[in-house]
Protein backbone atom coordinates (compact mmCIF):
# COMPACT_ATOMS: atom_id res chain seq x y z
CA UNK A 1 82.63 111.86 54.29
CA UNK A 2 82.50 108.51 52.54
CA UNK A 3 79.32 109.26 50.62
CA UNK A 4 77.33 106.54 52.33
CA UNK A 5 79.31 103.74 50.65
CA UNK A 6 80.43 102.05 53.84
CA UNK A 7 78.91 98.61 54.08
CA UNK A 8 77.72 98.77 50.47
CA UNK A 9 78.33 95.57 48.61
CA UNK A 10 77.23 94.43 45.23
CA UNK A 11 77.07 90.70 44.67
CA UNK A 12 79.11 90.26 41.52
CA UNK A 13 79.41 86.54 42.29
CA UNK A 14 75.70 86.18 41.48
CA UNK A 15 76.29 87.37 37.94
CA UNK A 16 74.82 85.42 35.02
CA UNK A 17 76.88 82.73 33.37
CA UNK A 18 78.84 84.05 30.40
CA UNK A 19 80.10 82.21 27.33
CA UNK A 20 83.51 81.83 28.99
CA UNK A 21 81.94 80.15 32.03
CA UNK A 22 79.44 77.94 30.25
CA UNK A 23 79.87 74.24 29.66
CA UNK A 24 79.58 72.92 26.09
CA UNK A 25 76.11 73.50 24.64
CA UNK A 26 73.72 70.57 24.90
CA UNK A 27 72.12 69.37 21.69
CA UNK A 28 68.87 68.36 23.38
CA UNK A 29 66.30 71.05 24.09
CA UNK A 30 65.12 71.47 27.69
CA UNK A 31 61.54 70.73 28.63
CA UNK A 32 59.01 73.55 28.55
CA UNK A 33 58.89 73.36 32.36
CA UNK A 34 62.66 73.79 32.57
CA UNK A 35 62.45 76.82 30.29
CA UNK A 36 59.62 78.28 32.38
CA UNK A 37 61.62 77.77 35.58
CA UNK A 38 64.65 79.46 34.03
CA UNK A 39 62.54 82.41 32.88
CA UNK A 40 61.13 82.76 36.39
CA UNK A 41 64.65 82.66 37.84
CA UNK A 42 65.91 85.26 35.37
CA UNK A 43 62.87 87.46 36.05
CA UNK A 44 63.59 87.34 39.78
CA UNK A 45 67.23 88.25 39.19
CA UNK A 46 66.16 91.12 36.92
CA UNK A 47 63.78 92.45 39.59
CA UNK A 48 66.57 92.39 42.17
CA UNK A 49 69.01 94.13 39.83
CA UNK A 50 66.36 96.77 39.07
CA UNK A 51 65.96 97.46 42.79
CA UNK A 52 69.75 97.47 43.22
CA UNK A 53 70.29 100.05 40.47
CA UNK A 54 68.00 102.52 42.26
CA UNK A 55 69.99 102.19 45.50
CA UNK A 56 73.35 102.29 43.74
CA UNK A 57 72.38 105.32 41.67
CA UNK A 58 71.25 107.17 44.79
CA UNK A 59 74.56 106.41 46.50
CA UNK A 60 76.46 107.62 43.43
CA UNK A 61 74.54 110.90 43.39
CA UNK A 62 75.25 111.39 47.12
CA UNK A 63 78.95 110.60 46.65
CA UNK A 64 79.15 112.99 43.69
CA UNK A 65 77.55 115.77 45.72
CA UNK A 66 79.93 115.21 48.64
CA UNK A 67 82.90 115.36 46.27
CA UNK A 68 81.75 118.49 44.45
CA UNK A 69 80.95 120.39 47.64
CA UNK A 70 84.19 119.26 49.26
CA UNK A 71 86.19 120.30 46.21
CA UNK A 72 84.56 123.73 46.14
CA UNK A 73 85.21 124.26 49.84
CA UNK A 74 88.81 123.09 49.50
CA UNK A 75 89.33 125.40 46.54
CA UNK A 76 87.86 128.39 48.37
CA UNK A 77 89.75 127.78 51.60
CA UNK A 78 93.11 126.90 50.08
CA UNK A 79 95.98 128.96 51.38
CA UNK A 80 97.82 128.67 48.07
CA UNK A 81 98.35 131.80 46.00
CA UNK A 82 98.15 130.76 42.35
CA UNK A 83 95.00 129.32 40.77
CA UNK A 84 96.81 126.16 39.65
CA UNK A 85 98.16 125.51 43.14
CA UNK A 86 94.72 126.09 44.69
CA UNK A 87 93.21 123.56 42.25
CA UNK A 88 95.95 121.03 42.99
CA UNK A 89 95.52 121.57 46.73
CA UNK A 90 91.75 121.09 46.43
CA UNK A 91 92.16 117.89 44.41
CA UNK A 92 94.48 116.46 47.05
CA UNK A 93 92.16 117.43 49.91
CA UNK A 94 89.15 115.64 48.37
CA UNK A 95 90.94 112.63 46.88
CA UNK A 96 89.10 110.16 49.14
CA UNK A 97 85.73 111.68 48.26
CA UNK A 98 86.64 111.42 44.58
CA UNK A 99 87.54 107.75 45.00
CA UNK A 100 84.21 107.00 46.70
CA UNK A 101 82.39 108.79 43.90
CA UNK A 102 84.25 106.80 41.21
CA UNK A 103 83.57 103.49 42.98
CA UNK A 104 79.88 104.34 43.33
CA UNK A 105 79.70 105.21 39.63
CA UNK A 106 81.43 101.95 38.69
CA UNK A 107 78.91 99.96 40.76
CA UNK A 108 76.10 101.68 38.86
CA UNK A 109 77.72 100.75 35.52
CA UNK A 110 78.21 97.14 36.64
CA UNK A 111 74.59 96.87 37.71
CA UNK A 112 73.39 98.34 34.40
CA UNK A 113 75.49 95.78 32.53
CA UNK A 114 74.01 93.04 34.69
CA UNK A 115 70.52 94.22 33.77
CA UNK A 116 71.43 94.18 30.06
CA UNK A 117 72.88 90.68 30.40
CA UNK A 118 69.79 89.41 32.20
CA UNK A 119 67.55 90.86 29.48
CA UNK A 120 69.67 89.12 26.84
CA UNK A 121 69.40 85.85 28.74
CA UNK A 122 65.63 86.24 29.01
CA UNK A 123 65.39 86.73 25.24
CA UNK A 124 67.54 83.65 24.69
CA UNK A 125 65.35 81.60 27.06
CA UNK A 126 62.24 82.79 25.23
CA UNK A 127 63.74 81.66 21.91
CA UNK A 128 64.68 78.30 23.40
CA UNK A 129 61.17 78.02 24.82
CA UNK A 130 59.63 78.67 21.41
CA UNK A 131 61.91 76.09 19.78
CA UNK A 132 61.11 73.58 22.52
CA UNK A 133 57.36 74.07 22.13
CA UNK A 134 57.65 73.70 18.37
CA UNK A 135 59.66 70.48 18.69
CA UNK A 136 57.35 69.05 21.29
CA UNK A 137 54.31 69.91 19.18
CA UNK A 138 55.87 68.38 16.07
CA UNK A 139 56.68 65.12 17.83
CA UNK A 140 53.52 65.00 20.01
CA UNK A 141 55.61 64.58 23.18
CA UNK A 142 54.08 65.00 26.60
CA UNK A 143 55.96 66.57 29.44
CA UNK A 144 57.42 64.19 31.98
């Protein structure tokens, strides 16, 4: 009855660094290799988040279905006489299913936000990479 959420974890500790977490911005541009490594890292994180969203979305759909079916059954089998009391009885009888559904939906939203953040970080790294290449080309530096 838990909607398949038991044992489901989402690694929020592996989230990208935000402006609040970041150290002061360096004034020196990273090397092109450092930018390439960061882009590879971000790409890997984005792939994982994309796989995670599929699993999380499936669990949310399952939890939603369990809640809706449970609510309907509770409503139909309620011994209460008035419609309002039957609805209230049904809500109480499926409260745990509703909670599992809400948690599953929140995990989907968190993963979608993580994907958006990773895409933003990739765009930032691309811009830094372009600036780095331009600076290195202008000064005729070689990579160390």
